[in-house]
Amino acid sequence: MLKYFFNPESVCLIGASTSPEKLGFKILKNIIDGGYKGKIFPVNPKANVILNLKCYKSVSEIPDKVELAVIVIRSDVICVLVEECCKK
């Protein structure tokens, strides 16, 4: 459904980063600064907190429903992560 794309209640950002110069940080910051009202779940196996949000090691660790996944990672691992998102 397009509802999940245009008006998701929750978003996970796979590839969120603690480094302000990286795209994964900039996108997360834009989601927050843009006033998004839903739940935000950063995903990065090397971080515990990013921009004051609890960070998850993988999509499968997120305790809530995820309606939209934004993927900002190397292209050689995207297929595995898309499968993980579909299972979630």
C-alpha atoms as a PDB file:
ATOM      1  CA  MET A   1       0.000   0.000   0.000  1.00  0.00           C
ATOM      2  CA  LEU A   2       1.203   3.498  -0.738  1.00  0.00           C
ATOM      3  CA  LYS A   3       0.052   4.596   2.727  1.00  0.00           C
ATOM      4  CA  TYR A   4       3.180   2.981   4.179  1.00  0.00           C
ATOM      5  CA  PHE A   5       5.378   4.927   1.786  1.00  0.00           C
ATOM      6  CA  PHE A   6       3.761   8.349   2.078  1.00  0.00           C
ATOM      7  CA  ASN A   7       2.488   8.240   5.664  1.00  0.00           C
ATOM      8  CA  PRO A   8       4.309   5.542   7.665  1.00  0.00           C
ATOM      9  CA  GLU A   9       3.783   5.295  11.406  1.00  0.00           C
ATOM     10  CA  SER A  10       7.329   3.977  11.825  1.00  0.00           C
ATOM     11  CA  VAL A  11      10.577   4.223   9.873  1.00  0.00           C
ATOM     12  CA  CYS A  12      13.839   2.349  10.237  1.00  0.00           C
ATOM     13  CA  LEU A  13      17.022   3.748   8.754  1.00  0.00           C
ATOM     14  CA  ILE A  14      19.418   0.937   7.906  1.00  0.00           C
ATOM     15  CA  GLY A  15      22.880   2.443   7.672  1.00  0.00           C
ATOM     16  CA  ALA A  16      22.327   5.200  10.220  1.00  0.00           C
ATOM     17  CA  SER A  17      25.666   6.721  11.191  1.00  0.00           C
ATOM     18  CA  THR A  18      27.228   8.544  14.115  1.00  0.00           C
ATOM     19  CA  SER A  19      29.424  10.540  11.716  1.00  0.00           C
ATOM     20  CA  PRO A  20      27.846  13.891  10.705  1.00  0.00           C
ATOM     21  CA  GLU A  21      29.577  13.828   7.320  1.00  0.00           C
ATOM     22  CA  LYS A  22      27.982  10.501   6.293  1.00  0.00           C
ATOM     23  CA  LEU A  23      24.690  10.168   4.403  1.00  0.00           C
ATOM     24  CA  GLY A  24      23.214   7.840   7.044  1.00  0.00           C
ATOM     25  CA  PHE A  25      23.565  10.599   9.649  1.00  0.00           C
ATOM     26  CA  LYS A  26      22.257  13.351   7.365  1.00  0.00           C
ATOM     27  CA  ILE A  27      19.131  11.408   6.410  1.00  0.00           C
ATOM     28  CA  LEU A  28      18.359  10.552  10.045  1.00  0.00           C
ATOM     29  CA  LYS A  29      18.839  14.190  11.047  1.00  0.00           C
ATOM     30  CA  ASN A  30      16.556  15.335   8.205  1.00  0.00           C
ATOM     31  CA  ILE A  31      13.828  12.920   9.323  1.00  0.00           C
ATOM     32  CA  ILE A  32      14.040  14.287  12.867  1.00  0.00           C
ATOM     33  CA  ASP A  33      14.422  17.967  11.905  1.00  0.00           C
ATOM     34  CA  GLY A  34      11.629  17.657   9.347  1.00  0.00           C
ATOM     35  CA  GLY A  35       9.163  17.026  12.152  1.00  0.00           C
ATOM     36  CA  TYR A  36       8.349  13.378  11.458  1.00  0.00           C
ATOM     37  CA  LYS A  37       5.904  12.324  14.212  1.00  0.00           C
ATOM     38  CA  GLY A  38       6.187   8.529  13.972  1.00  0.00           C
ATOM     39  CA  LYS A  39       8.640   6.109  15.534  1.00  0.00           C
ATOM     40  CA  ILE A  40      12.202   6.205  14.220  1.00  0.00           C
ATOM     41  CA  PHE A  41      14.525   3.218  14.492  1.00  0.00           C
ATOM     42  CA  PRO A  42      18.174   3.746  13.466  1.00  0.00           C
ATOM     43  CA  VAL A  43      19.956   0.506  12.523  1.00  0.00           C
ATOM     44  CA  ASN A  44      23.737   0.204  12.828  1.00  0.00           C
ATOM     45  CA  PRO A  45      25.510  -2.826  14.331  1.00  0.00           C
ATOM     46  CA  LYS A  46      28.307  -0.628  15.727  1.00  0.00           C
ATOM     47  CA  ALA A  47      26.243   2.047  17.512  1.00  0.00           C
ATOM     48  CA  ASN A  48      24.060   2.134  20.635  1.00  0.00           C
ATOM     49  CA  VAL A  49      22.614   5.651  20.262  1.00  0.00           C
ATOM     50  CA  ILE A  50      22.470   8.054  17.319  1.00  0.00           C
ATOM     51  CA  LEU A  51      20.997  11.549  17.666  1.00  0.00           C
ATOM     52  CA  ASN A  52      19.493  10.559  21.030  1.00  0.00           C
ATOM     53  CA  LEU A  53      17.663   7.583  19.512  1.00  0.00           C
ATOM     54  CA  LYS A  54      18.279   3.978  20.571  1.00  0.00           C
ATOM     55  CA  CYS A  55      20.107   2.229  17.766  1.00  0.00           C
ATOM     56  CA  TYR A  56      19.431  -1.401  16.837  1.00  0.00           C
ATOM     57  CA  LYS A  57      22.013  -3.891  15.608  1.00  0.00           C
ATOM     58  CA  SER A  58      19.605  -5.293  12.992  1.00  0.00           C
ATOM     59  CA  VAL A  59      16.050  -4.874  11.742  1.00  0.00           C
ATOM     60  CA  SER A  60      15.024  -8.092  13.476  1.00  0.00           C
ATOM     61  CA  GLU A  61      15.941  -6.538  16.875  1.00  0.00           C
ATOM     62  CA  ILE A  62      13.386  -3.728  16.498  1.00  0.00           C
ATOM     63  CA  PRO A  63      10.567  -4.539  18.949  1.00  0.00           C
ATOM     64  CA  ASP A  64       7.811  -2.682  17.062  1.00  0.00           C
ATOM     65  CA  LYS A  65       6.243  -2.878  13.628  1.00  0.00           C
ATOM     66  CA  VAL A  66       8.246  -1.152  10.887  1.00  0.00           C
ATOM     67  CA  GLU A  67       6.219   0.332   8.034  1.00  0.00           C
ATOM     68  CA  LEU A  68       9.025   1.878   5.987  1.00  0.00           C
ATOM     69  CA  ALA A  69      12.706   1.005   5.682  1.00  0.00           C
ATOM     70  CA  VAL A  70      15.227   3.470   4.301  1.00  0.00           C
ATOM     71  CA  ILE A  71      18.390   1.638   3.256  1.00  0.00           C
ATOM     72  CA  VAL A  72      21.683   3.532   3.054  1.00  0.00           C
ATOM     73  CA  ILE A  73      24.369   0.846   2.832  1.00  0.00           C
ATOM     74  CA  ARG A  74      26.748  -0.838   0.399  1.00  0.00           C
ATOM     75  CA  SER A  75      24.967  -2.351  -2.594  1.00  0.00           C
ATOM     76  CA  ASP A  76      26.490  -5.820  -2.098  1.00  0.00           C
ATOM     77  CA  VAL A  77      24.475  -6.440   1.115  1.00  0.00           C
ATOM     78  CA  ILE A  78      21.158  -4.865   0.156  1.00  0.00           C
ATOM     79  CA  CYS A  79      19.495  -8.133  -0.946  1.00  0.00           C
ATOM     80  CA  VAL A  80      20.074  -9.743   2.450  1.00  0.00           C
ATOM     81  CA  LEU A  81      18.696  -6.701   4.255  1.00  0.00           C
ATOM     82  CA  VAL A  82      15.629  -6.469   2.024  1.00  0.00           C
ATOM     83  CA  GLU A  83      14.872 -10.105   2.893  1.00  0.00           C
ATOM     84  CA  GLU A  84      15.281  -9.289   6.599  1.00  0.00           C
ATOM     85  CA  CYS A  85      12.895  -6.333   6.213  1.00  0.00           C
ATOM     86  CA  CYS A  86      10.304  -8.527   4.492  1.00  0.00           C
ATOM     87  CA  LYS A  87      10.445 -11.031   7.356  1.00  0.00           C
ATOM     88  CA  LYS A  88       9.999  -8.216   9.886  1.00  0.00           C
END
